[in-house]
Amino acid sequence: MVQVNVHEAKTQLSRLIEAALAGERVTIARAGKPVVDLVMHTDGPVVIGAPGWTGTTVDTDALDAYDPELVAAFDGGKG
C-alpha cells in the first residue's frame, strides 16, 4: 500500500495512476489521515463482496433510479 499526502499526489499523479493500474492500493491523505483511495476504473458490473453476497452482481443503473413513494415511506415524506 502506498500512502501520500495531497501535495505529493498532485505532483506525482501520473506515477500514482500507474501504481493503481498495476493493482497497488494508493491512499491519499490529508494531514496524515487517509481520505481517498485511488483505484482502477472498471466498466464491468459491480461485484459485491460482503459475506453472503460474494459473486453477486448489481445493476448500478437500477441503484440510481428510485421510487419517490418508497423514499417518502422511509423519511416521513420529507424526500
C-alpha atoms as a PDB file:
ATOM      1  CA  MET A   1       0.000   0.000   0.000  1.00  0.00           C
ATOM      2  CA  VAL A   2       1.196   3.495  -0.850  1.00  0.00           C
ATOM      3  CA  GLN A   3       0.004   6.479   1.170  1.00  0.00           C
ATOM      4  CA  VAL A   4       0.828  10.008   0.041  1.00  0.00           C
ATOM      5  CA  ASN A   5      -0.313  13.436   1.116  1.00  0.00           C
ATOM      6  CA  VAL A   6      -2.398  15.644  -1.176  1.00  0.00           C
ATOM      7  CA  HIS A   7       0.545  17.801  -2.268  1.00  0.00           C
ATOM      8  CA  GLU A   8       2.617  14.778  -3.273  1.00  0.00           C
ATOM      9  CA  ALA A   9      -0.400  13.260  -5.034  1.00  0.00           C
ATOM     10  CA  LYS A  10      -0.704  16.418  -7.137  1.00  0.00           C
ATOM     11  CA  THR A  11       2.946  16.339  -8.151  1.00  0.00           C
ATOM     12  CA  GLN A  12       3.158  12.559  -8.642  1.00  0.00           C
ATOM     13  CA  LEU A  13      -0.288  11.831 -10.103  1.00  0.00           C
ATOM     14  CA  SER A  14       0.977  10.021 -13.224  1.00  0.00           C
ATOM     15  CA  ARG A  15       3.154   7.692 -11.126  1.00  0.00           C
ATOM     16  CA  LEU A  16       0.302   7.041  -8.693  1.00  0.00           C
ATOM     17  CA  ILE A  17      -2.097   6.249 -11.539  1.00  0.00           C
ATOM     18  CA  GLU A  18       0.380   3.720 -12.919  1.00  0.00           C
ATOM     19  CA  ALA A  19       0.691   2.147  -9.473  1.00  0.00           C
ATOM     20  CA  ALA A  20      -3.104   1.864  -9.167  1.00  0.00           C
ATOM     21  CA  LEU A  21      -3.340   0.356 -12.661  1.00  0.00           C
ATOM     22  CA  ALA A  22      -0.740  -2.203 -11.595  1.00  0.00           C
ATOM     23  CA  GLY A  23      -3.048  -3.238  -8.752  1.00  0.00           C
ATOM     24  CA  GLU A  24      -1.340  -1.357  -5.944  1.00  0.00           C
ATOM     25  CA  ARG A  25      -3.538   0.321  -3.346  1.00  0.00           C
ATOM     26  CA  VAL A  26      -2.909   4.076  -3.385  1.00  0.00           C
ATOM     27  CA  THR A  27      -4.281   6.129  -0.493  1.00  0.00           C
ATOM     28  CA  ILE A  28      -4.271   9.922  -0.488  1.00  0.00           C
ATOM     29  CA  ALA A  29      -4.122  11.518   2.943  1.00  0.00           C
ATOM     30  CA  ARG A  30      -4.703  14.964   4.387  1.00  0.00           C
ATOM     31  CA  ALA A  31      -2.573  15.793   7.440  1.00  0.00           C
ATOM     32  CA  GLY A  32      -1.628  12.109   7.656  1.00  0.00           C
ATOM     33  CA  LYS A  33      -5.254  10.937   7.767  1.00  0.00           C
ATOM     34  CA  PRO A  34      -6.407   8.777   4.804  1.00  0.00           C
ATOM     35  CA  VAL A  35      -9.221  10.492   2.887  1.00  0.00           C
ATOM     36  CA  VAL A  36      -9.474   8.769  -0.523  1.00  0.00           C
ATOM     37  CA  ASP A  37      -8.195   5.714  -2.367  1.00  0.00           C
ATOM     38  CA  LEU A  38      -7.088   5.831  -5.990  1.00  0.00           C
ATOM     39  CA  VAL A  39      -8.410   2.721  -7.728  1.00  0.00           C
ATOM     40  CA  MET A  40      -8.553   1.442 -11.283  1.00  0.00           C
ATOM     41  CA  HIS A  41     -11.862   2.123 -13.053  1.00  0.00           C
ATOM     42  CA  THR A  42     -13.798  -0.875 -14.373  1.00  0.00           C
ATOM     43  CA  ASP A  43     -16.556  -0.853 -16.966  1.00  0.00           C
ATOM     44  CA  GLY A  44     -17.995  -4.172 -15.857  1.00  0.00           C
ATOM     45  CA  PRO A  45     -20.713  -4.819 -13.304  1.00  0.00           C
ATOM     46  CA  VAL A  46     -20.041  -4.088  -9.674  1.00  0.00           C
ATOM     47  CA  VAL A  47     -19.349  -7.270  -7.709  1.00  0.00           C
ATOM     48  CA  ILE A  48     -20.490  -7.215  -4.103  1.00  0.00           C
ATOM     49  CA  GLY A  49     -18.004  -8.780  -1.715  1.00  0.00           C
ATOM     50  CA  ALA A  50     -19.983  -8.679   1.529  1.00  0.00           C
ATOM     51  CA  PRO A  51     -20.477 -12.016   3.307  1.00  0.00           C
ATOM     52  CA  GLY A  52     -23.356 -13.900   1.766  1.00  0.00           C
ATOM     53  CA  TRP A  53     -23.267 -11.688  -1.333  1.00  0.00           C
ATOM     54  CA  THR A  54     -19.909 -12.792  -2.746  1.00  0.00           C
ATOM     55  CA  GLY A  55     -20.104 -13.051  -6.510  1.00  0.00           C
ATOM     56  CA  THR A  56     -23.467 -11.286  -6.721  1.00  0.00           C
ATOM     57  CA  THR A  57     -23.621  -8.605  -9.402  1.00  0.00           C
ATOM     58  CA  VAL A  58     -25.616  -5.421  -9.068  1.00  0.00           C
ATOM     59  CA  ASP A  59     -27.239  -3.396 -11.845  1.00  0.00           C
ATOM     60  CA  THR A  60     -25.871   0.024 -10.920  1.00  0.00           C
ATOM     61  CA  ASP A  61     -28.388   1.760 -13.209  1.00  0.00           C
ATOM     62  CA  ALA A  62     -31.148   0.289 -11.060  1.00  0.00           C
ATOM     63  CA  LEU A  63     -29.466   1.690  -7.963  1.00  0.00           C
ATOM     64  CA  ASP A  64     -29.521   5.174  -9.490  1.00  0.00           C
ATOM     65  CA  ALA A  65     -33.288   5.004 -10.031  1.00  0.00           C
ATOM     66  CA  TYR A  66     -35.512   5.319  -7.004  1.00  0.00           C
ATOM     67  CA  ASP A  67     -39.192   5.222  -6.167  1.00  0.00           C
ATOM     68  CA  PRO A  68     -40.323   8.537  -4.611  1.00  0.00           C
ATOM     69  CA  GLU A  69     -43.103   6.765  -2.676  1.00  0.00           C
ATOM     70  CA  LEU A  70     -40.611   4.348  -1.141  1.00  0.00           C
ATOM     71  CA  VAL A  71     -38.290   7.202  -0.181  1.00  0.00           C
ATOM     72  CA  ALA A  72     -41.222   9.060   1.404  1.00  0.00           C
ATOM     73  CA  ALA A  73     -42.101   5.964   3.438  1.00  0.00           C
ATOM     74  CA  PHE A  74     -38.628   5.948   4.979  1.00  0.00           C
ATOM     75  CA  ASP A  75     -38.090   9.661   5.511  1.00  0.00           C
ATOM     76  CA  GLY A  76     -41.565  10.624   6.676  1.00  0.00           C
ATOM     77  CA  GLY A  77     -42.472  12.363   3.417  1.00  0.00           C
ATOM     78  CA  LYS A  78     -39.578  14.825   3.598  1.00  0.00           C
ATOM     79  CA  GLY A  79     -37.933  13.386   0.425  1.00  0.00           C
END
